[in-house]
Amino acid sequence: MEISRHLKPSLNLPSEAPAQVGSARPVQPGKTSREAIGSEALHLEKLQTALSQLPDVDEDKIATLKLAMARGELSLDVAALAASIYTYHSGNDA
């Protein structure tokens, strides 16, 4: 597992507004903007439903890792782990 600082939450600041407007989907011909929004909301709702049905944890991967640990097949370099944690928290991992 790799710890990365590259995934940071984005903020919707006023300076980002022009970029968001340009990336919005155009209204389909024959639909009003209200219909297009309703269509988008329905699509998002379907995606959220599908996402909520996924497990929060990959149980198969956990079982595989537990078995590998029990067999002694996984090694741990404590010094490398400590260095990685230190680098991550000190902000020097750029």
C-alpha atoms as a PDB file:
ATOM      1  CA  MET A   1       0.000   0.000   0.000  1.00  0.00           C
ATOM      2  CA  GLU A   2       1.315   3.406  -0.907  1.00  0.00           C
ATOM      3  CA  ILE A   3       0.446   6.537   0.999  1.00  0.00           C
ATOM      4  CA  SER A   4       0.071   9.481  -1.323  1.00  0.00           C
ATOM      5  CA  ARG A   5      -0.580  13.175  -0.776  1.00  0.00           C
ATOM      6  CA  HIS A   6      -1.676  13.682  -4.380  1.00  0.00           C
ATOM      7  CA  LEU A   7      -5.398  13.191  -3.739  1.00  0.00           C
ATOM      8  CA  LYS A   8      -6.553  16.359  -2.075  1.00  0.00           C
ATOM      9  CA  PRO A   9     -10.152  17.498  -1.683  1.00  0.00           C
ATOM     10  CA  SER A  10     -11.082  20.241  -4.082  1.00  0.00           C
ATOM     11  CA  LEU A  11     -12.760  23.438  -2.999  1.00  0.00           C
ATOM     12  CA  ASN A  12     -15.285  25.295  -5.109  1.00  0.00           C
ATOM     13  CA  LEU A  13     -13.689  28.694  -4.949  1.00  0.00           C
ATOM     14  CA  PRO A  14     -14.859  31.619  -7.101  1.00  0.00           C
ATOM     15  CA  SER A  15     -11.685  31.346  -9.204  1.00  0.00           C
ATOM     16  CA  GLU A  16     -12.765  27.846 -10.295  1.00  0.00           C
ATOM     17  CA  ALA A  17     -16.197  28.951 -11.530  1.00  0.00           C
ATOM     18  CA  PRO A  18     -15.230  29.540 -15.200  1.00  0.00           C
ATOM     19  CA  ALA A  19     -13.683  26.077 -15.433  1.00  0.00           C
ATOM     20  CA  GLN A  20     -16.818  24.495 -14.011  1.00  0.00           C
ATOM     21  CA  VAL A  21     -19.094  26.308 -16.446  1.00  0.00           C
ATOM     22  CA  GLY A  22     -17.040  25.131 -19.411  1.00  0.00           C
ATOM     23  CA  SER A  23     -17.138  21.514 -18.273  1.00  0.00           C
ATOM     24  CA  ALA A  24     -20.918  21.407 -17.792  1.00  0.00           C
ATOM     25  CA  ARG A  25     -22.885  19.282 -20.225  1.00  0.00           C
ATOM     26  CA  PRO A  26     -24.852  21.235 -22.820  1.00  0.00           C
ATOM     27  CA  VAL A  27     -28.630  21.043 -22.762  1.00  0.00           C
ATOM     28  CA  GLN A  28     -29.815  18.435 -25.223  1.00  0.00           C
ATOM     29  CA  PRO A  29     -31.841  19.776 -28.166  1.00  0.00           C
ATOM     30  CA  GLY A  30     -35.556  19.768 -27.455  1.00  0.00           C
ATOM     31  CA  LYS A  31     -35.116  19.770 -23.671  1.00  0.00           C
ATOM     32  CA  THR A  32     -35.489  22.699 -21.361  1.00  0.00           C
ATOM     33  CA  SER A  33     -32.804  23.293 -18.785  1.00  0.00           C
ATOM     34  CA  ARG A  34     -35.210  22.036 -16.072  1.00  0.00           C
ATOM     35  CA  GLU A  35     -35.699  18.751 -17.962  1.00  0.00           C
ATOM     36  CA  ALA A  36     -31.963  18.424 -18.453  1.00  0.00           C
ATOM     37  CA  ILE A  37     -31.386  18.965 -14.727  1.00  0.00           C
ATOM     38  CA  GLY A  38     -34.020  16.345 -13.922  1.00  0.00           C
ATOM     39  CA  SER A  39     -32.324  13.929 -16.297  1.00  0.00           C
ATOM     40  CA  GLU A  40     -28.936  14.627 -14.691  1.00  0.00           C
ATOM     41  CA  ALA A  41     -30.387  14.138 -11.205  1.00  0.00           C
ATOM     42  CA  LEU A  42     -31.885  10.793 -12.228  1.00  0.00           C
ATOM     43  CA  HIS A  43     -28.557   9.693 -13.690  1.00  0.00           C
ATOM     44  CA  LEU A  44     -26.706  10.734 -10.527  1.00  0.00           C
ATOM     45  CA  GLU A  45     -29.263   8.964  -8.373  1.00  0.00           C
ATOM     46  CA  LYS A  46     -28.719   5.723 -10.311  1.00  0.00           C
ATOM     47  CA  LEU A  47     -24.957   6.077  -9.915  1.00  0.00           C
ATOM     48  CA  GLN A  48     -25.274   6.735  -6.177  1.00  0.00           C
ATOM     49  CA  THR A  49     -27.502   3.678  -5.787  1.00  0.00           C
ATOM     50  CA  ALA A  50     -24.983   1.484  -7.605  1.00  0.00           C
ATOM     51  CA  LEU A  51     -22.127   2.921  -5.552  1.00  0.00           C
ATOM     52  CA  SER A  52     -23.964   2.365  -2.275  1.00  0.00           C
ATOM     53  CA  GLN A  53     -24.339  -1.329  -3.131  1.00  0.00           C
ATOM     54  CA  LEU A  54     -20.579  -1.815  -3.386  1.00  0.00           C
ATOM     55  CA  PRO A  55     -18.838  -3.083  -0.273  1.00  0.00           C
ATOM     56  CA  ASP A  56     -16.823  -0.560   1.720  1.00  0.00           C
ATOM     57  CA  VAL A  57     -14.017  -3.087   2.056  1.00  0.00           C
ATOM     58  CA  ASP A  58     -12.610  -5.628  -0.413  1.00  0.00           C
ATOM     59  CA  GLU A  59     -13.211  -8.739   1.691  1.00  0.00           C
ATOM     60  CA  ASP A  60     -11.457 -11.061  -0.799  1.00  0.00           C
ATOM     61  CA  LYS A  61      -8.289  -8.980  -0.693  1.00  0.00           C
ATOM     62  CA  ILE A  62      -8.355  -8.921   3.111  1.00  0.00           C
ATOM     63  CA  ALA A  63      -8.744 -12.696   3.240  1.00  0.00           C
ATOM     64  CA  THR A  64      -5.826 -13.126   0.821  1.00  0.00           C
ATOM     65  CA  LEU A  65      -3.624 -10.822   2.895  1.00  0.00           C
ATOM     66  CA  LYS A  66      -4.563 -12.563   6.159  1.00  0.00           C
ATOM     67  CA  LEU A  67      -3.678 -15.929   4.638  1.00  0.00           C
ATOM     68  CA  ALA A  68      -0.349 -14.585   3.369  1.00  0.00           C
ATOM     69  CA  MET A  69       0.406 -13.151   6.820  1.00  0.00           C
ATOM     70  CA  ALA A  70      -0.467 -16.458   8.490  1.00  0.00           C
ATOM     71  CA  ARG A  71       1.886 -18.287   6.115  1.00  0.00           C
ATOM     72  CA  GLY A  72       4.670 -15.784   6.748  1.00  0.00           C
ATOM     73  CA  GLU A  73       4.722 -14.736   3.096  1.00  0.00           C
ATOM     74  CA  LEU A  74       4.584 -11.007   3.827  1.00  0.00           C
ATOM     75  CA  SER A  75       7.619  -9.132   4.975  1.00  0.00           C
ATOM     76  CA  LEU A  76       7.706  -5.755   6.638  1.00  0.00           C
ATOM     77  CA  ASP A  77      10.573  -3.300   6.427  1.00  0.00           C
ATOM     78  CA  VAL A  78       9.919  -1.322   9.594  1.00  0.00           C
ATOM     79  CA  ALA A  79      12.603   1.272   8.817  1.00  0.00           C
ATOM     80  CA  ALA A  80      11.159   1.952   5.339  1.00  0.00           C
ATOM     81  CA  LEU A  81       7.651   2.218   6.792  1.00  0.00           C
ATOM     82  CA  ALA A  82       8.788   4.654   9.471  1.00  0.00           C
ATOM     83  CA  ALA A  83      10.659   6.741   6.888  1.00  0.00           C
ATOM     84  CA  SER A  84       7.605   6.820   4.635  1.00  0.00           C
ATOM     85  CA  ILE A  85       5.314   7.908   7.465  1.00  0.00           C
ATOM     86  CA  TYR A  86       7.785  10.580   8.542  1.00  0.00           C
ATOM     87  CA  THR A  87       8.165  11.891   4.985  1.00  0.00           C
ATOM     88  CA  TYR A  88       4.410  11.976   4.474  1.00  0.00           C
ATOM     89  CA  HIS A  89       3.706  13.882   7.670  1.00  0.00           C
ATOM     90  CA  SER A  90       6.599  16.283   7.252  1.00  0.00           C
ATOM     91  CA  GLY A  91       5.350  17.279   3.802  1.00  0.00           C
ATOM     92  CA  ASN A  92       8.652  16.478   2.074  1.00  0.00           C
ATOM     93  CA  ASP A  93       7.305  13.862  -0.333  1.00  0.00           C
ATOM     94  CA  ALA A  94       7.043  16.122  -3.384  1.00  0.00           C
END
